Amino acid sequence: MREEQAQMTFEVCIEECCNYTWQGKLTAEEKVLEFKSETELLLAMDTLMYGEGEVPS
């Protein structure tokens, strides 16, 4: 049995590298989110794909 996987295209714009981490904007499906670290970037991608509080299986 094959599970349905979320697919989404992201545009990542790195605007600055400060304190050894990236800052910039993440765009997906007409939504723009700002991030101040790689961790925030990954969490934003996860939230856009799976929603808040949902855990991908």
PDB file of N, CA and C in Angstrom:
ATOM      1  N   MET A   1       0.844  -1.169   0.000  1.00  0.00           N
ATOM      2  CA  MET A   1       0.000   0.000   0.000  1.00  0.00           C
ATOM      3  C   MET A   1       0.895   1.240   0.000  1.00  0.00           C
ATOM      4  N   ARG A   2       0.621   2.150  -0.890  1.00  0.00           N
ATOM      5  CA  ARG A   2       1.419   3.368  -1.010  1.00  0.00           C
ATOM      6  C   ARG A   2       0.695   4.530  -0.348  1.00  0.00           C
ATOM      7  N   GLU A   3       1.405   5.218   0.543  1.00  0.00           N
ATOM      8  CA  GLU A   3       0.804   6.352   1.238  1.00  0.00           C
ATOM      9  C   GLU A   3       0.906   7.609   0.384  1.00  0.00           C
ATOM     10  N   GLU A   4      -0.084   8.467   0.494  1.00  0.00           N
ATOM     11  CA  GLU A   4      -0.080   9.751  -0.198  1.00  0.00           C
ATOM     12  C   GLU A   4       0.921  10.676   0.482  1.00  0.00           C
ATOM     13  N   GLN A   5       1.796  11.284  -0.291  1.00  0.00           N
ATOM     14  CA  GLN A   5       2.789  12.196   0.256  1.00  0.00           C
ATOM     15  C   GLN A   5       2.491  13.615  -0.202  1.00  0.00           C
ATOM     16  N   ALA A   6       2.682  14.557   0.707  1.00  0.00           N
ATOM     17  CA  ALA A   6       2.480  15.964   0.371  1.00  0.00           C
ATOM     18  C   ALA A   6       3.589  16.428  -0.566  1.00  0.00           C
ATOM     19  N   GLN A   7       3.205  17.177  -1.604  1.00  0.00           N
ATOM     20  CA  GLN A   7       4.190  17.738  -2.524  1.00  0.00           C
ATOM     21  C   GLN A   7       3.948  19.235  -2.627  1.00  0.00           C
ATOM     22  N   MET A   8       5.024  19.981  -2.547  1.00  0.00           N
ATOM     23  CA  MET A   8       4.914  21.426  -2.582  1.00  0.00           C
ATOM     24  C   MET A   8       6.226  21.989  -3.122  1.00  0.00           C
ATOM     25  N   THR A   9       6.138  23.102  -3.815  1.00  0.00           N
ATOM     26  CA  THR A   9       7.331  23.776  -4.314  1.00  0.00           C
ATOM     27  C   THR A   9       7.598  25.000  -3.450  1.00  0.00           C
ATOM     28  N   PHE A  10       8.840  25.138  -3.007  1.00  0.00           N
ATOM     29  CA  PHE A  10       9.242  26.258  -2.167  1.00  0.00           C
ATOM     30  C   PHE A  10      10.234  27.138  -2.910  1.00  0.00           C
ATOM     31  N   GLU A  11      10.154  28.431  -2.670  1.00  0.00           N
ATOM     32  CA  GLU A  11      11.177  29.369  -3.124  1.00  0.00           C
ATOM     33  C   GLU A  11      11.823  29.943  -1.867  1.00  0.00           C
ATOM     34  N   VAL A  12      13.124  29.726  -1.734  1.00  0.00           N
ATOM     35  CA  VAL A  12      13.855  30.203  -0.565  1.00  0.00           C
ATOM     36  C   VAL A  12      14.781  31.328  -1.008  1.00  0.00           C
ATOM     37  N   CYS A  13      14.620  32.483  -0.394  1.00  0.00           N
ATOM     38  CA  CYS A  13      15.457  33.640  -0.695  1.00  0.00           C
ATOM     39  C   CYS A  13      16.303  33.946   0.543  1.00  0.00           C
ATOM     40  N   ILE A  14      17.606  33.664   0.441  1.00  0.00           N
ATOM     41  CA  ILE A  14      18.525  33.965   1.532  1.00  0.00           C
ATOM     42  C   ILE A  14      18.939  35.423   1.370  1.00  0.00           C
ATOM     43  N   GLU A  15      18.541  36.260   2.309  1.00  0.00           N
ATOM     44  CA  GLU A  15      18.826  37.689   2.212  1.00  0.00           C
ATOM     45  C   GLU A  15      20.074  38.084   2.984  1.00  0.00           C
ATOM     46  N   GLU A  16      20.431  37.290   3.980  1.00  0.00           N
ATOM     47  CA  GLU A  16      21.569  37.647   4.815  1.00  0.00           C
ATOM     48  C   GLU A  16      22.086  36.407   5.531  1.00  0.00           C
ATOM     49  N   CYS A  17      23.356  36.420   5.822  1.00  0.00           N
ATOM     50  CA  CYS A  17      23.961  35.372   6.644  1.00  0.00           C
ATOM     51  C   CYS A  17      24.638  36.082   7.812  1.00  0.00           C
ATOM     52  N   CYS A  18      24.059  35.957   8.979  1.00  0.00           N
ATOM     53  CA  CYS A  18      24.547  36.664  10.156  1.00  0.00           C
ATOM     54  C   CYS A  18      24.629  35.680  11.318  1.00  0.00           C
ATOM     55  N   ASN A  19      25.677  35.768  12.105  1.00  0.00           N
ATOM     56  CA  ASN A  19      25.875  34.848  13.232  1.00  0.00           C
ATOM     57  C   ASN A  19      25.871  33.393  12.784  1.00  0.00           C
ATOM     58  N   TYR A  20      26.467  33.137  11.635  1.00  0.00           N
ATOM     59  CA  TYR A  20      26.620  31.786  11.085  1.00  0.00           C
ATOM     60  C   TYR A  20      25.293  31.095  10.791  1.00  0.00           C
ATOM     61  N   THR A  21      24.246  31.857  10.506  1.00  0.00           N
ATOM     62  CA  THR A  21      22.965  31.264  10.144  1.00  0.00           C
ATOM     63  C   THR A  21      22.286  32.137   9.083  1.00  0.00           C
ATOM     64  N   TRP A  22      21.336  31.557   8.359  1.00  0.00           N
ATOM     65  CA  TRP A  22      20.650  32.250   7.273  1.00  0.00           C
ATOM     66  C   TRP A  22      19.436  33.003   7.784  1.00  0.00           C
ATOM     67  N   GLN A  23      19.163  34.137   7.146  1.00  0.00           N
ATOM     68  CA  GLN A  23      17.913  34.858   7.330  1.00  0.00           C
ATOM     69  C   GLN A  23      17.359  35.136   5.941  1.00  0.00           C
ATOM     70  N   GLY A  24      16.027  35.075   5.823  1.00  0.00           N
ATOM     71  CA  GLY A  24      15.443  35.334   4.515  1.00  0.00           C
ATOM     72  C   GLY A  24      13.950  35.103   4.495  1.00  0.00           C
ATOM     73  N   LYS A  25      13.443  34.780   3.295  1.00  0.00           N
ATOM     74  CA  LYS A  25      12.007  34.581   3.096  1.00  0.00           C
ATOM     75  C   LYS A  25      11.751  33.254   2.402  1.00  0.00           C
ATOM     76  N   LEU A  26      10.686  32.614   2.812  1.00  0.00           N
ATOM     77  CA  LEU A  26      10.224  31.360   2.227  1.00  0.00           C
ATOM     78  C   LEU A  26       8.878  31.633   1.569  1.00  0.00           C
ATOM     79  N   THR A  27       8.752  31.294   0.288  1.00  0.00           N
ATOM     80  CA  THR A  27       7.507  31.498  -0.441  1.00  0.00           C
ATOM     81  C   THR A  27       6.986  30.154  -0.928  1.00  0.00           C
ATOM     82  N   ALA A  28       5.695  29.914  -0.690  1.00  0.00           N
ATOM     83  CA  ALA A  28       5.036  28.697  -1.165  1.00  0.00           C
ATOM     84  C   ALA A  28       3.544  28.969  -1.259  1.00  0.00           C
ATOM     85  N   GLU A  29       2.971  28.636  -2.403  1.00  0.00           N
ATOM     86  CA  GLU A  29       1.531  28.794  -2.627  1.00  0.00           C
ATOM     87  C   GLU A  29       1.027  30.168  -2.189  1.00  0.00           C
ATOM     88  N   GLU A  30       1.688  31.222  -2.667  1.00  0.00           N
ATOM     89  CA  GLU A  30       1.312  32.611  -2.411  1.00  0.00           C
ATOM     90  C   GLU A  30       1.421  33.019  -0.947  1.00  0.00           C
ATOM     91  N   LYS A  31       2.093  32.225  -0.125  1.00  0.00           N
ATOM     92  CA  LYS A  31       2.345  32.580   1.272  1.00  0.00           C
ATOM     93  C   LYS A  31       3.823  32.919   1.401  1.00  0.00           C
ATOM     94  N   VAL A  32       4.117  33.986   2.131  1.00  0.00           N
ATOM     95  CA  VAL A  32       5.504  34.397   2.349  1.00  0.00           C
ATOM     96  C   VAL A  32       5.758  34.406   3.853  1.00  0.00           C
ATOM     97  N   LEU A  33       6.764  33.651   4.269  1.00  0.00           N
ATOM     98  CA  LEU A  33       7.151  33.595   5.674  1.00  0.00           C
ATOM     99  C   LEU A  33       8.603  34.014   5.805  1.00  0.00           C
ATOM    100  N   GLU A  34       8.898  34.813   6.813  1.00  0.00           N
ATOM    101  CA  GLU A  34      10.277  35.195   7.084  1.00  0.00           C
ATOM    102  C   GLU A  34      10.867  34.219   8.093  1.00  0.00           C
ATOM    103  N   PHE A  35      12.164  33.953   7.955  1.00  0.00           N
ATOM    104  CA  PHE A  35      12.849  33.086   8.915  1.00  0.00           C
ATOM    105  C   PHE A  35      14.169  33.726   9.315  1.00  0.00           C
ATOM    106  N   LYS A  36      14.624  33.380  10.516  1.00  0.00           N
ATOM    107  CA  LYS A  36      15.854  33.958  11.055  1.00  0.00           C
ATOM    108  C   LYS A  36      16.909  32.905  11.350  1.00  0.00           C
ATOM    109  N   SER A  37      16.623  31.654  11.008  1.00  0.00           N
ATOM    110  CA  SER A  37      17.606  30.584  11.195  1.00  0.00           C
ATOM    111  C   SER A  37      17.212  29.404  10.316  1.00  0.00           C
ATOM    112  N   GLU A  38      18.145  28.478  10.132  1.00  0.00           N
ATOM    113  CA  GLU A  38      17.839  27.274   9.354  1.00  0.00           C
ATOM    114  C   GLU A  38      16.738  26.462  10.031  1.00  0.00           C
ATOM    115  N   THR A  39      16.739  26.457  11.357  1.00  0.00           N
ATOM    116  CA  THR A  39      15.705  25.722  12.090  1.00  0.00           C
ATOM    117  C   THR A  39      14.333  26.308  11.810  1.00  0.00           C
ATOM    118  N   GLU A  40      14.207  27.634  11.840  1.00  0.00           N
ATOM    119  CA  GLU A  40      12.927  28.272  11.520  1.00  0.00           C
ATOM    120  C   GLU A  40      12.509  27.978  10.086  1.00  0.00           C
ATOM    121  N   LEU A  41      13.466  27.935   9.165  1.00  0.00           N
ATOM    122  CA  LEU A  41      13.173  27.608   7.768  1.00  0.00           C
ATOM    123  C   LEU A  41      12.578  26.209   7.659  1.00  0.00           C
ATOM    124  N   LEU A  42      13.215  25.235   8.289  1.00  0.00           N
ATOM    125  CA  LEU A  42      12.722  23.857   8.226  1.00  0.00           C
ATOM    126  C   LEU A  42      11.366  23.713   8.912  1.00  0.00           C
ATOM    127  N   LEU A  43      11.173  24.374  10.043  1.00  0.00           N
ATOM    128  CA  LEU A  43       9.881  24.320  10.724  1.00  0.00           C
ATOM    129  C   LEU A  43       8.784  24.967   9.881  1.00  0.00           C
ATOM    130  N   ALA A  44       9.100  26.060   9.197  1.00  0.00           N
ATOM    131  CA  ALA A  44       8.122  26.715   8.330  1.00  0.00           C
ATOM    132  C   ALA A  44       7.729  25.804   7.171  1.00  0.00           C
ATOM    133  N   MET A  45       8.710  25.130   6.567  1.00  0.00           N
ATOM    134  CA  MET A  45       8.413  24.183   5.482  1.00  0.00           C
ATOM    135  C   MET A  45       7.518  23.055   5.980  1.00  0.00           C
ATOM    136  N   ASP A  46       7.847  22.516   7.137  1.00  0.00           N
ATOM    137  CA  ASP A  46       7.059  21.430   7.714  1.00  0.00           C
ATOM    138  C   ASP A  46       5.630  21.884   7.992  1.00  0.00           C
ATOM    139  N   THR A  47       5.479  23.082   8.565  1.00  0.00           N
ATOM    140  CA  THR A  47       4.150  23.607   8.873  1.00  0.00           C
ATOM    141  C   THR A  47       3.329  23.824   7.607  1.00  0.00           C
ATOM    142  N   LEU A  48       3.947  24.363   6.555  1.00  0.00           N
ATOM    143  CA  LEU A  48       3.225  24.580   5.299  1.00  0.00           C
ATOM    144  C   LEU A  48       2.789  23.259   4.668  1.00  0.00           C
ATOM    145  N   MET A  49       3.616  22.233   4.777  1.00  0.00           N
ATOM    146  CA  MET A  49       3.288  20.949   4.156  1.00  0.00           C
ATOM    147  C   MET A  49       2.269  20.144   4.954  1.00  0.00           C
ATOM    148  N   TYR A  50       2.412  20.127   6.266  1.00  0.00           N
ATOM    149  CA  TYR A  50       1.617  19.211   7.083  1.00  0.00           C
ATOM    150  C   TYR A  50       0.668  19.895   8.047  1.00  0.00           C
ATOM    151  N   GLY A  51       0.750  21.197   8.201  1.00  0.00           N
ATOM    152  CA  GLY A  51      -0.094  21.911   9.146  1.00  0.00           C
ATOM    153  C   GLY A  51       0.516  21.887  10.533  1.00  0.00           C
ATOM    154  N   GLU A  52       0.050  22.776  11.383  1.00  0.00           N
ATOM    155  CA  GLU A  52       0.594  22.849  12.736  1.00  0.00           C
ATOM    156  C   GLU A  52       0.129  21.661  13.559  1.00  0.00           C
ATOM    157  N   GLY A  53       1.048  21.102  14.311  1.00  0.00           N
ATOM    158  CA  GLY A  53       0.708  20.012  15.218  1.00  0.00           C
ATOM    159  C   GLY A  53       0.612  18.651  14.569  1.00  0.00           C
ATOM    160  N   GLU A  54       0.679  18.580  13.250  1.00  0.00           N
ATOM    161  CA  GLU A  54       0.603  17.287  12.577  1.00  0.00           C
ATOM    162  C   GLU A  54       1.997  16.713  12.401  1.00  0.00           C
ATOM    163  N   VAL A  55       2.108  15.432  12.553  1.00  0.00           N
ATOM    164  CA  VAL A  55       3.388  14.752  12.405  1.00  0.00           C
ATOM    165  C   VAL A  55       3.337  13.919  11.135  1.00  0.00           C
ATOM    166  N   PRO A  56       4.279  14.126  10.202  1.00  0.00           N
ATOM    167  CA  PRO A  56       4.285  13.310   8.983  1.00  0.00           C
ATOM    168  C   PRO A  56       4.571  11.857   9.313  1.00  0.00           C
ATOM    169  N   SER A  57       3.907  10.955   8.612  1.00  0.00           N
ATOM    170  CA  SER A  57       4.124   9.525   8.886  1.00  0.00           C
ATOM    171  C   SER A  57       5.064   8.914   7.888  1.00  0.00           C
TER     172      SER A  57
END
